[in-house]
């Protein structure tokens, strides 16, 4: 967030561009990990779908946490791409105002 704020106020020189690109790559990897965690949770959900017990609530809470993390990472990655002057491709038709 600090690098992003600096880039927005001071502009992006070559060193800052490199740091932002590295940070974006790191965040992309974290987002991919969140995606994998969500897929694993989906398999767990499918395994207990017909059952009626408290594990569903625990799974739903874990889904919420991973979905929130994925959404946050997506927003930060989009902001970094914007600071780098690159187009962002998002599946959402509407973003922040």
PDB file of N, CA and C in Angstrom:
ATOM      1  N   UNK A   1       0.829  -1.191   0.000  1.00  0.00           N
ATOM      2  CA  UNK A   1       0.000   0.000   0.000  1.00  0.00           C
ATOM      3  C   UNK A   1       0.872   1.252   0.000  1.00  0.00           C
ATOM      4  N   UNK A   2       1.980   1.213   0.749  1.00  0.00           N
ATOM      5  CA  UNK A   2       2.866   2.375   0.790  1.00  0.00           C
ATOM      6  C   UNK A   2       3.479   2.645  -0.575  1.00  0.00           C
ATOM      7  N   UNK A   3       3.945   1.584  -1.242  1.00  0.00           N
ATOM      8  CA  UNK A   3       4.521   1.751  -2.573  1.00  0.00           C
ATOM      9  C   UNK A   3       3.484   2.297  -3.543  1.00  0.00           C
ATOM     10  N   UNK A   4       2.263   1.832  -3.419  1.00  0.00           N
ATOM     11  CA  UNK A   4       1.195   2.278  -4.298  1.00  0.00           C
ATOM     12  C   UNK A   4       0.899   3.749  -4.084  1.00  0.00           C
ATOM     13  N   UNK A   5       0.849   4.175  -2.832  1.00  0.00           N
ATOM     14  CA  UNK A   5       0.605   5.579  -2.514  1.00  0.00           C
ATOM     15  C   UNK A   5       1.728   6.455  -3.064  1.00  0.00           C
ATOM     16  N   UNK A   6       2.966   6.014  -2.890  1.00  0.00           N
ATOM     17  CA  UNK A   6       4.102   6.762  -3.429  1.00  0.00           C
ATOM     18  C   UNK A   6       4.013   6.879  -4.940  1.00  0.00           C
ATOM     19  N   UNK A   7       3.657   5.782  -5.594  1.00  0.00           N
ATOM     20  CA  UNK A   7       3.568   5.789  -7.055  1.00  0.00           C
ATOM     21  C   UNK A   7       2.503   6.758  -7.538  1.00  0.00           C
ATOM     22  N   UNK A   8       1.403   6.835  -6.795  1.00  0.00           N
ATOM     23  CA  UNK A   8       0.320   7.731  -7.205  1.00  0.00           C
ATOM     24  C   UNK A   8       0.695   9.193  -6.990  1.00  0.00           C
ATOM     25  N   UNK A   9       1.468   9.480  -5.954  1.00  0.00           N
ATOM     26  CA  UNK A   9       1.814  10.873  -5.661  1.00  0.00           C
ATOM     27  C   UNK A   9       3.085  11.322  -6.360  1.00  0.00           C
ATOM     28  N   UNK A  10       4.089  10.442  -6.427  1.00  0.00           N
ATOM     29  CA  UNK A  10       5.396  10.830  -6.973  1.00  0.00           C
ATOM     30  C   UNK A  10       5.637  10.359  -8.393  1.00  0.00           C
ATOM     31  N   UNK A  11       4.748   9.555  -8.921  1.00  0.00           N
ATOM     32  CA  UNK A  11       4.973   8.979 -10.241  1.00  0.00           C
ATOM     33  C   UNK A  11       5.758   7.692 -10.127  1.00  0.00           C
ATOM     34  N   UNK A  12       5.982   7.060 -11.265  1.00  0.00           N
ATOM     35  CA  UNK A  12       6.637   5.760 -11.270  1.00  0.00           C
ATOM     36  C   UNK A  12       7.914   5.837 -12.100  1.00  0.00           C
ATOM     37  N   UNK A  13       9.066   5.783 -11.412  1.00  0.00           N
ATOM     38  CA  UNK A  13      10.326   5.694 -12.135  1.00  0.00           C
ATOM     39  C   UNK A  13      10.654   4.224 -12.366  1.00  0.00           C
ATOM     40  N   UNK A  14      11.782   3.942 -12.966  1.00  0.00           N
ATOM     41  CA  UNK A  14      12.128   2.563 -13.316  1.00  0.00           C
ATOM     42  C   UNK A  14      12.246   1.670 -12.082  1.00  0.00           C
ATOM     43  N   UNK A  15      12.862   2.192 -11.022  1.00  0.00           N
ATOM     44  CA  UNK A  15      13.027   1.385  -9.804  1.00  0.00           C
ATOM     45  C   UNK A  15      11.677   1.101  -9.158  1.00  0.00           C
ATOM     46  N   UNK A  16      10.829   2.122  -9.097  1.00  0.00           N
ATOM     47  CA  UNK A  16       9.499   1.946  -8.501  1.00  0.00           C
ATOM     48  C   UNK A  16       8.670   0.985  -9.348  1.00  0.00           C
ATOM     49  N   UNK A  17       8.777   1.113 -10.657  1.00  0.00           N
ATOM     50  CA  UNK A  17       8.041   0.215 -11.562  1.00  0.00           C
ATOM     51  C   UNK A  17       8.454  -1.234 -11.299  1.00  0.00           C
ATOM     52  N   UNK A  18       9.740  -1.456 -11.137  1.00  0.00           N
ATOM     53  CA  UNK A  18      10.244  -2.808 -10.874  1.00  0.00           C
ATOM     54  C   UNK A  18       9.702  -3.332  -9.545  1.00  0.00           C
ATOM     55  N   UNK A  19       9.750  -2.517  -8.500  1.00  0.00           N
ATOM     56  CA  UNK A  19       9.251  -2.938  -7.193  1.00  0.00           C
ATOM     57  C   UNK A  19       7.755  -3.229  -7.241  1.00  0.00           C
ATOM     58  N   UNK A  20       6.993  -2.358  -7.919  1.00  0.00           N
ATOM     59  CA  UNK A  20       5.551  -2.571  -8.029  1.00  0.00           C
ATOM     60  C   UNK A  20       5.239  -3.846  -8.806  1.00  0.00           C
ATOM     61  N   UNK A  21       5.984  -4.086  -9.861  1.00  0.00           N
ATOM     62  CA  UNK A  21       5.764  -5.298 -10.660  1.00  0.00           C
ATOM     63  C   UNK A  21       6.084  -6.549  -9.843  1.00  0.00           C
ATOM     64  N   UNK A  22       7.156  -6.500  -9.054  1.00  0.00           N
ATOM     65  CA  UNK A  22       7.485  -7.635  -8.196  1.00  0.00           C
ATOM     66  C   UNK A  22       6.397  -7.865  -7.146  1.00  0.00           C
ATOM     67  N   UNK A  23       5.918  -6.783  -6.567  1.00  0.00           N
ATOM     68  CA  UNK A  23       4.860  -6.902  -5.552  1.00  0.00           C
ATOM     69  C   UNK A  23       3.591  -7.464  -6.171  1.00  0.00           C
ATOM     70  N   UNK A  24       3.264  -7.008  -7.367  1.00  0.00           N
ATOM     71  CA  UNK A  24       2.080  -7.529  -8.048  1.00  0.00           C
ATOM     72  C   UNK A  24       2.224  -9.027  -8.302  1.00  0.00           C
ATOM     73  N   UNK A  25       3.407  -9.467  -8.706  1.00  0.00           N
ATOM     74  CA  UNK A  25       3.651 -10.883  -8.942  1.00  0.00           C
ATOM     75  C   UNK A  25       3.458 -11.676  -7.656  1.00  0.00           C
ATOM     76  N   UNK A  26       3.988 -11.161  -6.555  1.00  0.00           N
ATOM     77  CA  UNK A  26       3.840 -11.833  -5.257  1.00  0.00           C
ATOM     78  C   UNK A  26       2.369 -11.940  -4.871  1.00  0.00           C
ATOM     79  N   UNK A  27       1.616 -10.866  -5.099  1.00  0.00           N
ATOM     80  CA  UNK A  27       0.191 -10.873  -4.770  1.00  0.00           C
ATOM     81  C   UNK A  27      -0.594 -11.789  -5.706  1.00  0.00           C
ATOM     82  N   UNK A  28      -0.184 -11.860  -6.963  1.00  0.00           N
ATOM     83  CA  UNK A  28      -0.814 -12.802  -7.898  1.00  0.00           C
ATOM     84  C   UNK A  28      -0.649 -14.237  -7.402  1.00  0.00           C
ATOM     85  N   UNK A  29       0.532 -14.535  -6.888  1.00  0.00           N
ATOM     86  CA  UNK A  29       0.778 -15.875  -6.357  1.00  0.00           C
ATOM     87  C   UNK A  29      -0.091 -16.142  -5.125  1.00  0.00           C
ATOM     88  N   UNK A  30      -0.234 -15.135  -4.267  1.00  0.00           N
ATOM     89  CA  UNK A  30      -1.102 -15.299  -3.095  1.00  0.00           C
ATOM     90  C   UNK A  30      -2.555 -15.489  -3.521  1.00  0.00           C
ATOM     91  N   UNK A  31      -2.980 -14.746  -4.546  1.00  0.00           N
ATOM     92  CA  UNK A  31      -4.355 -14.902  -5.029  1.00  0.00           C
ATOM     93  C   UNK A  31      -4.570 -16.306  -5.589  1.00  0.00           C
ATOM     94  N   UNK A  32      -3.564 -16.846  -6.286  1.00  0.00           N
ATOM     95  CA  UNK A  32      -3.660 -18.212  -6.808  1.00  0.00           C
ATOM     96  C   UNK A  32      -3.775 -19.213  -5.658  1.00  0.00           C
ATOM     97  N   UNK A  33      -3.073 -18.958  -4.561  1.00  0.00           N
ATOM     98  CA  UNK A  33      -3.188 -19.829  -3.386  1.00  0.00           C
ATOM     99  C   UNK A  33      -4.594 -19.770  -2.809  1.00  0.00           C
ATOM    100  N   UNK A  34      -5.184 -18.582  -2.793  1.00  0.00           N
ATOM    101  CA  UNK A  34      -6.567 -18.445  -2.307  1.00  0.00           C
ATOM    102  C   UNK A  34      -7.522 -19.218  -3.205  1.00  0.00           C
ATOM    103  N   UNK A  35      -7.289 -19.166  -4.513  1.00  0.00           N
ATOM    104  CA  UNK A  35      -8.117 -19.918  -5.459  1.00  0.00           C
ATOM    105  C   UNK A  35      -8.028 -21.415  -5.175  1.00  0.00           C
ATOM    106  N   UNK A  36      -6.814 -21.896  -4.934  1.00  0.00           N
ATOM    107  CA  UNK A  36      -6.628 -23.316  -4.631  1.00  0.00           C
ATOM    108  C   UNK A  36      -7.325 -23.693  -3.324  1.00  0.00           C
ATOM    109  N   UNK A  37      -7.246 -22.806  -2.335  1.00  0.00           N
ATOM    110  CA  UNK A  37      -7.923 -23.069  -1.061  1.00  0.00           C
ATOM    111  C   UNK A  37      -9.433 -23.139  -1.262  1.00  0.00           C
ATOM    112  N   UNK A  38      -9.967 -22.262  -2.106  1.00  0.00           N
ATOM    113  CA  UNK A  38     -11.399 -22.282  -2.381  1.00  0.00           C
ATOM    114  C   UNK A  38     -11.815 -23.575  -3.089  1.00  0.00           C
ATOM    115  N   UNK A  39     -10.993 -24.031  -4.009  1.00  0.00           N
ATOM    116  CA  UNK A  39     -11.301 -25.296  -4.690  1.00  0.00           C
ATOM    117  C   UNK A  39     -11.288 -26.462  -3.705  1.00  0.00           C
ATOM    118  N   UNK A  40     -10.339 -26.450  -2.790  1.00  0.00           N
ATOM    119  CA  UNK A  40     -10.284 -27.506  -1.774  1.00  0.00           C
ATOM    120  C   UNK A  40     -11.521 -27.454  -0.879  1.00  0.00           C
ATOM    121  N   UNK A  41     -11.942 -26.249  -0.507  1.00  0.00           N
ATOM    122  CA  UNK A  41     -13.147 -26.100   0.304  1.00  0.00           C
ATOM    123  C   UNK A  41     -14.377 -26.590  -0.447  1.00  0.00           C
ATOM    124  N   UNK A  42     -14.416 -26.313  -1.745  1.00  0.00           N
ATOM    125  CA  UNK A  42     -15.555 -26.772  -2.547  1.00  0.00           C
ATOM    126  C   UNK A  42     -15.635 -28.299  -2.547  1.00  0.00           C
ATOM    127  N   UNK A  43     -14.485 -28.948  -2.608  1.00  0.00           N
ATOM    128  CA  UNK A  43     -14.480 -30.413  -2.550  1.00  0.00           C
ATOM    129  C   UNK A  43     -14.970 -30.898  -1.182  1.00  0.00           C
ATOM    130  N   UNK A  44     -14.535 -30.221  -0.123  1.00  0.00           N
ATOM    131  CA  UNK A  44     -15.015 -30.577   1.223  1.00  0.00           C
ATOM    132  C   UNK A  44     -16.528 -30.396   1.311  1.00  0.00           C
ATOM    133  N   UNK A  45     -17.020 -29.291   0.754  1.00  0.00           N
ATOM    134  CA  UNK A  45     -18.455 -29.008   0.779  1.00  0.00           C
ATOM    135  C   UNK A  45     -19.218 -30.113   0.048  1.00  0.00           C
ATOM    136  N   UNK A  46     -18.726 -30.472  -1.116  1.00  0.00           N
ATOM    137  CA  UNK A  46     -19.380 -31.525  -1.891  1.00  0.00           C
ATOM    138  C   UNK A  46     -19.412 -32.842  -1.116  1.00  0.00           C
ATOM    139  N   UNK A  47     -18.369 -33.116  -0.360  1.00  0.00           N
ATOM    140  CA  UNK A  47     -18.292 -34.363   0.393  1.00  0.00           C
ATOM    141  C   UNK A  47     -19.323 -34.432   1.517  1.00  0.00           C
ATOM    142  N   UNK A  48     -19.711 -33.273   2.059  1.00  0.00           N
ATOM    143  CA  UNK A  48     -20.674 -33.281   3.172  1.00  0.00           C
ATOM    144  C   UNK A  48     -22.019 -32.684   2.777  1.00  0.00           C
ATOM    145  N   UNK A  49     -22.225 -32.455   1.494  1.00  0.00           N
ATOM    146  CA  UNK A  49     -23.428 -31.749   1.027  1.00  0.00           C
ATOM    147  C   UNK A  49     -24.717 -32.417   1.494  1.00  0.00           C
ATOM    148  N   UNK A  50     -24.779 -33.710   1.470  1.00  0.00           N
ATOM    149  CA  UNK A  50     -26.008 -34.399   1.852  1.00  0.00           C
ATOM    150  C   UNK A  50     -26.171 -34.573   3.348  1.00  0.00           C
ATOM    151  N   UNK A  51     -25.135 -34.304   4.087  1.00  0.00           N
ATOM    152  CA  UNK A  51     -25.171 -34.501   5.527  1.00  0.00           C
ATOM    153  C   UNK A  51     -25.675 -33.239   6.229  1.00  0.00           C
ATOM    154  N   UNK A  52     -26.107 -33.412   7.437  1.00  0.00           N
ATOM    155  CA  UNK A  52     -26.608 -32.273   8.209  1.00  0.00           C
ATOM    156  C   UNK A  52     -25.837 -32.217   9.527  1.00  0.00           C
ATOM    157  N   UNK A  53     -24.808 -31.400   9.560  1.00  0.00           N
ATOM    158  CA  UNK A  53     -24.049 -31.240  10.797  1.00  0.00           C
ATOM    159  C   UNK A  53     -23.346 -29.895  10.825  1.00  0.00           C
ATOM    160  N   UNK A  54     -22.696 -29.610  11.921  1.00  0.00           N
ATOM    161  CA  UNK A  54     -22.084 -28.311  12.159  1.00  0.00           C
ATOM    162  C   UNK A  54     -20.886 -27.988  11.295  1.00  0.00           C
ATOM    163  N   UNK A  55     -20.336 -28.978  10.612  1.00  0.00           N
ATOM    164  CA  UNK A  55     -19.175 -28.711   9.770  1.00  0.00           C
ATOM    165  C   UNK A  55     -19.478 -27.714   8.660  1.00  0.00           C
ATOM    166  N   UNK A  56     -20.738 -27.645   8.238  1.00  0.00           N
ATOM    167  CA  UNK A  56     -21.104 -26.715   7.172  1.00  0.00           C
ATOM    168  C   UNK A  56     -20.871 -25.269   7.600  1.00  0.00           C
ATOM    169  N   UNK A  57     -21.194 -24.951   8.836  1.00  0.00           N
ATOM    170  CA  UNK A  57     -20.978 -23.581   9.310  1.00  0.00           C
ATOM    171  C   UNK A  57     -19.500 -23.229   9.308  1.00  0.00           C
ATOM    172  N   UNK A  58     -18.674 -24.166   9.743  1.00  0.00           N
ATOM    173  CA  UNK A  58     -17.232 -23.937   9.756  1.00  0.00           C
ATOM    174  C   UNK A  58     -16.710 -23.733   8.337  1.00  0.00           C
ATOM    175  N   UNK A  59     -17.203 -24.563   7.419  1.00  0.00           N
ATOM    176  CA  UNK A  59     -16.786 -24.421   6.026  1.00  0.00           C
ATOM    177  C   UNK A  59     -17.237 -23.089   5.443  1.00  0.00           C
ATOM    178  N   UNK A  60     -18.454 -22.681   5.738  1.00  0.00           N
ATOM    179  CA  UNK A  60     -18.941 -21.399   5.236  1.00  0.00           C
ATOM    180  C   UNK A  60     -18.088 -20.248   5.741  1.00  0.00           C
ATOM    181  N   UNK A  61     -17.671 -20.312   6.989  1.00  0.00           N
ATOM    182  CA  UNK A  61     -16.811 -19.264   7.540  1.00  0.00           C
ATOM    183  C   UNK A  61     -15.457 -19.245   6.821  1.00  0.00           C
ATOM    184  N   UNK A  62     -14.932 -20.421   6.553  1.00  0.00           N
ATOM    185  CA  UNK A  62     -13.665 -20.487   5.820  1.00  0.00           C
ATOM    186  C   UNK A  62     -13.829 -19.971   4.393  1.00  0.00           C
ATOM    187  N   UNK A  63     -14.959 -20.291   3.757  1.00  0.00           N
ATOM    188  CA  UNK A  63     -15.244 -19.741   2.427  1.00  0.00           C
ATOM    189  C   UNK A  63     -15.232 -18.214   2.477  1.00  0.00           C
ATOM    190  N   UNK A  64     -15.910 -17.643   3.453  1.00  0.00           N
ATOM    191  CA  UNK A  64     -15.978 -16.187   3.579  1.00  0.00           C
ATOM    192  C   UNK A  64     -14.590 -15.582   3.705  1.00  0.00           C
ATOM    193  N   UNK A  65     -13.754 -16.195   4.524  1.00  0.00           N
ATOM    194  CA  UNK A  65     -12.409 -15.668   4.729  1.00  0.00           C
ATOM    195  C   UNK A  65     -11.591 -15.700   3.445  1.00  0.00           C
ATOM    196  N   UNK A  66     -11.651 -16.810   2.741  1.00  0.00           N
ATOM    197  CA  UNK A  66     -10.872 -16.925   1.503  1.00  0.00           C
ATOM    198  C   UNK A  66     -11.435 -16.035   0.391  1.00  0.00           C
ATOM    199  N   UNK A  67     -12.748 -15.921   0.331  1.00  0.00           N
ATOM    200  CA  UNK A  67     -13.343 -15.033  -0.676  1.00  0.00           C
ATOM    201  C   UNK A  67     -12.983 -13.577  -0.410  1.00  0.00           C
ATOM    202  N   UNK A  68     -12.998 -13.183   0.852  1.00  0.00           N
ATOM    203  CA  UNK A  68     -12.630 -11.806   1.208  1.00  0.00           C
ATOM    204  C   UNK A  68     -11.166 -11.541   0.873  1.00  0.00           C
ATOM    205  N   UNK A  69     -10.300 -12.492   1.184  1.00  0.00           N
ATOM    206  CA  UNK A  69      -8.879 -12.331   0.874  1.00  0.00           C
ATOM    207  C   UNK A  69      -8.669 -12.231  -0.631  1.00  0.00           C
ATOM    208  N   UNK A  70      -9.365 -13.082  -1.388  1.00  0.00           N
ATOM    209  CA  UNK A  70      -9.229 -13.051  -2.847  1.00  0.00           C
ATOM    210  C   UNK A  70      -9.710 -11.716  -3.409  1.00  0.00           C
ATOM    211  N   UNK A  71     -10.809 -11.211  -2.897  1.00  0.00           N
ATOM    212  CA  UNK A  71     -11.335  -9.933  -3.374  1.00  0.00           C
ATOM    213  C   UNK A  71     -10.365  -8.789  -3.067  1.00  0.00           C
ATOM    214  N   UNK A  72      -9.828  -8.782  -1.848  1.00  0.00           N
ATOM    215  CA  UNK A  72      -8.874  -7.742  -1.468  1.00  0.00           C
ATOM    216  C   UNK A  72      -7.637  -7.794  -2.361  1.00  0.00           C
ATOM    217  N   UNK A  73      -7.098  -8.990  -2.548  1.00  0.00           N
ATOM    218  CA  UNK A  73      -5.912  -9.133  -3.392  1.00  0.00           C
ATOM    219  C   UNK A  73      -6.198  -8.673  -4.819  1.00  0.00           C
ATOM    220  N   UNK A  74      -7.371  -9.012  -5.328  1.00  0.00           N
ATOM    221  CA  UNK A  74      -7.734  -8.576  -6.680  1.00  0.00           C
ATOM    222  C   UNK A  74      -7.770  -7.068  -6.805  1.00  0.00           C
ATOM    223  N   UNK A  75      -8.300  -6.408  -5.794  1.00  0.00           N
ATOM    224  CA  UNK A  75      -8.361  -4.943  -5.806  1.00  0.00           C
ATOM    225  C   UNK A  75      -6.970  -4.337  -5.775  1.00  0.00           C
ATOM    226  N   UNK A  76      -6.104  -4.855  -4.904  1.00  0.00           N
ATOM    227  CA  UNK A  76      -4.747  -4.327  -4.810  1.00  0.00           C
ATOM    228  C   UNK A  76      -3.975  -4.592  -6.098  1.00  0.00           C
ATOM    229  N   UNK A  77      -4.138  -5.775  -6.674  1.00  0.00           N
ATOM    230  CA  UNK A  77      -3.464  -6.101  -7.936  1.00  0.00           C
ATOM    231  C   UNK A  77      -3.936  -5.166  -9.040  1.00  0.00           C
ATOM    232  N   UNK A  78      -5.239  -4.912  -9.108  1.00  0.00           N
ATOM    233  CA  UNK A  78      -5.765  -3.976 -10.105  1.00  0.00           C
ATOM    234  C   UNK A  78      -5.197  -2.576  -9.890  1.00  0.00           C
ATOM    235  N   UNK A  79      -5.097  -2.151  -8.630  1.00  0.00           N
ATOM    236  CA  UNK A  79      -4.535  -0.831  -8.331  1.00  0.00           C
ATOM    237  C   UNK A  79      -3.064  -0.748  -8.739  1.00  0.00           C
ATOM    238  N   UNK A  80      -2.312  -1.817  -8.492  1.00  0.00           N
ATOM    239  CA  UNK A  80      -0.909  -1.843  -8.906  1.00  0.00           C
ATOM    240  C   UNK A  80      -0.793  -1.785 -10.425  1.00  0.00           C
ATOM    241  N   UNK A  81      -1.630  -2.529 -11.115  1.00  0.00           N
ATOM    242  CA  UNK A  81      -1.609  -2.501 -12.578  1.00  0.00           C
ATOM    243  C   UNK A  81      -1.937  -1.110 -13.096  1.00  0.00           C
ATOM    244  N   UNK A  82      -2.892  -0.467 -12.464  1.00  0.00           N
ATOM    245  CA  UNK A  82      -3.255   0.897 -12.857  1.00  0.00           C
ATOM    246  C   UNK A  82      -2.092   1.855 -12.629  1.00  0.00           C
ATOM    247  N   UNK A  83      -1.418   1.725 -11.481  1.00  0.00           N
ATOM    248  CA  UNK A  83      -0.271   2.581 -11.185  1.00  0.00           C
ATOM    249  C   UNK A  83       0.855   2.360 -12.183  1.00  0.00           C
ATOM    250  N   UNK A  84       0.956   1.136 -12.699  1.00  0.00           N
ATOM    251  CA  UNK A  84       1.968   0.810 -13.697  1.00  0.00           C
ATOM    252  C   UNK A  84       1.533   1.209 -15.104  1.00  0.00           C
ATOM    253  N   UNK A  85       0.317   1.727 -15.218  1.00  0.00           N
ATOM    254  CA  UNK A  85      -0.181   2.152 -16.520  1.00  0.00           C
ATOM    255  C   UNK A  85      -0.633   1.011 -17.392  1.00  0.00           C
ATOM    256  N   UNK A  86      -1.000  -0.100 -16.767  1.00  0.00           N
ATOM    257  CA  UNK A  86      -1.436  -1.273 -17.509  1.00  0.00           C
ATOM    258  C   UNK A  86      -2.933  -1.448 -17.348  1.00  0.00           C
ATOM    259  N   UNK A  87      -3.548  -2.003 -18.370  1.00  0.00           N
ATOM    260  CA  UNK A  87      -4.977  -2.277 -18.317  1.00  0.00           C
ATOM    261  C   UNK A  87      -5.240  -3.429 -17.361  1.00  0.00           C
ATOM    262  N   UNK A  88      -6.346  -3.341 -16.662  1.00  0.00           N
ATOM    263  CA  UNK A  88      -6.752  -4.450 -15.811  1.00  0.00           C
ATOM    264  C   UNK A  88      -7.947  -5.122 -16.453  1.00  0.00           C
ATOM    265  N   UNK A  89      -7.965  -6.431 -16.348  1.00  0.00           N
ATOM    266  CA  UNK A  89      -9.095  -7.190 -16.860  1.00  0.00           C
ATOM    267  C   UNK A  89      -9.773  -7.833 -15.679  1.00  0.00           C
ATOM    268  N   UNK A  90     -10.976  -7.434 -15.446  1.00  0.00           N
ATOM    269  CA  UNK A  90     -11.717  -7.975 -14.318  1.00  0.00           C
ATOM    270  C   UNK A  90     -13.025  -8.543 -14.816  1.00  0.00           C
ATOM    271  N   UNK A  91     -13.522  -9.531 -14.105  1.00  0.00           N
ATOM    272  CA  UNK A  91     -14.799 -10.130 -14.469  1.00  0.00           C
ATOM    273  C   UNK A  91     -15.965  -9.299 -13.972  1.00  0.00           C
ATOM    274  N   UNK A  92     -15.690  -8.384 -13.077  1.00  0.00           N
ATOM    275  CA  UNK A  92     -16.755  -7.556 -12.508  1.00  0.00           C
ATOM    276  C   UNK A  92     -17.079  -6.429 -13.489  1.00  0.00           C
ATOM    277  N   UNK A  93     -18.360  -6.155 -13.639  1.00  0.00           N
ATOM    278  CA  UNK A  93     -18.749  -5.096 -14.553  1.00  0.00           C
ATOM    279  C   UNK A  93     -18.690  -3.733 -13.877  1.00  0.00           C
ATOM    280  N   UNK A  94     -18.599  -3.722 -12.562  1.00  0.00           N
ATOM    281  CA  UNK A  94     -18.589  -2.467 -11.839  1.00  0.00           C
ATOM    282  C   UNK A  94     -17.609  -2.573 -10.677  1.00  0.00           C
ATOM    283  N   UNK A  95     -16.782  -1.582 -10.553  1.00  0.00           N
ATOM    284  CA  UNK A  95     -15.819  -1.548  -9.468  1.00  0.00           C
ATOM    285  C   UNK A  95     -16.093  -0.366  -8.576  1.00  0.00           C
ATOM    286  N   UNK A  96     -15.132  -0.031  -7.754  1.00  0.00           N
ATOM    287  CA  UNK A  96     -15.301   1.099  -6.835  1.00  0.00           C
ATOM    288  C   UNK A  96     -15.546   2.379  -7.607  1.00  0.00           C
ATOM    289  N   UNK A  97     -16.125   3.326  -6.925  1.00  0.00           N
ATOM    290  CA  UNK A  97     -16.323   4.661  -7.522  1.00  0.00           C
ATOM    291  C   UNK A  97     -15.156   5.526  -7.199  1.00  0.00           C
TER     292      UNK A  97
END
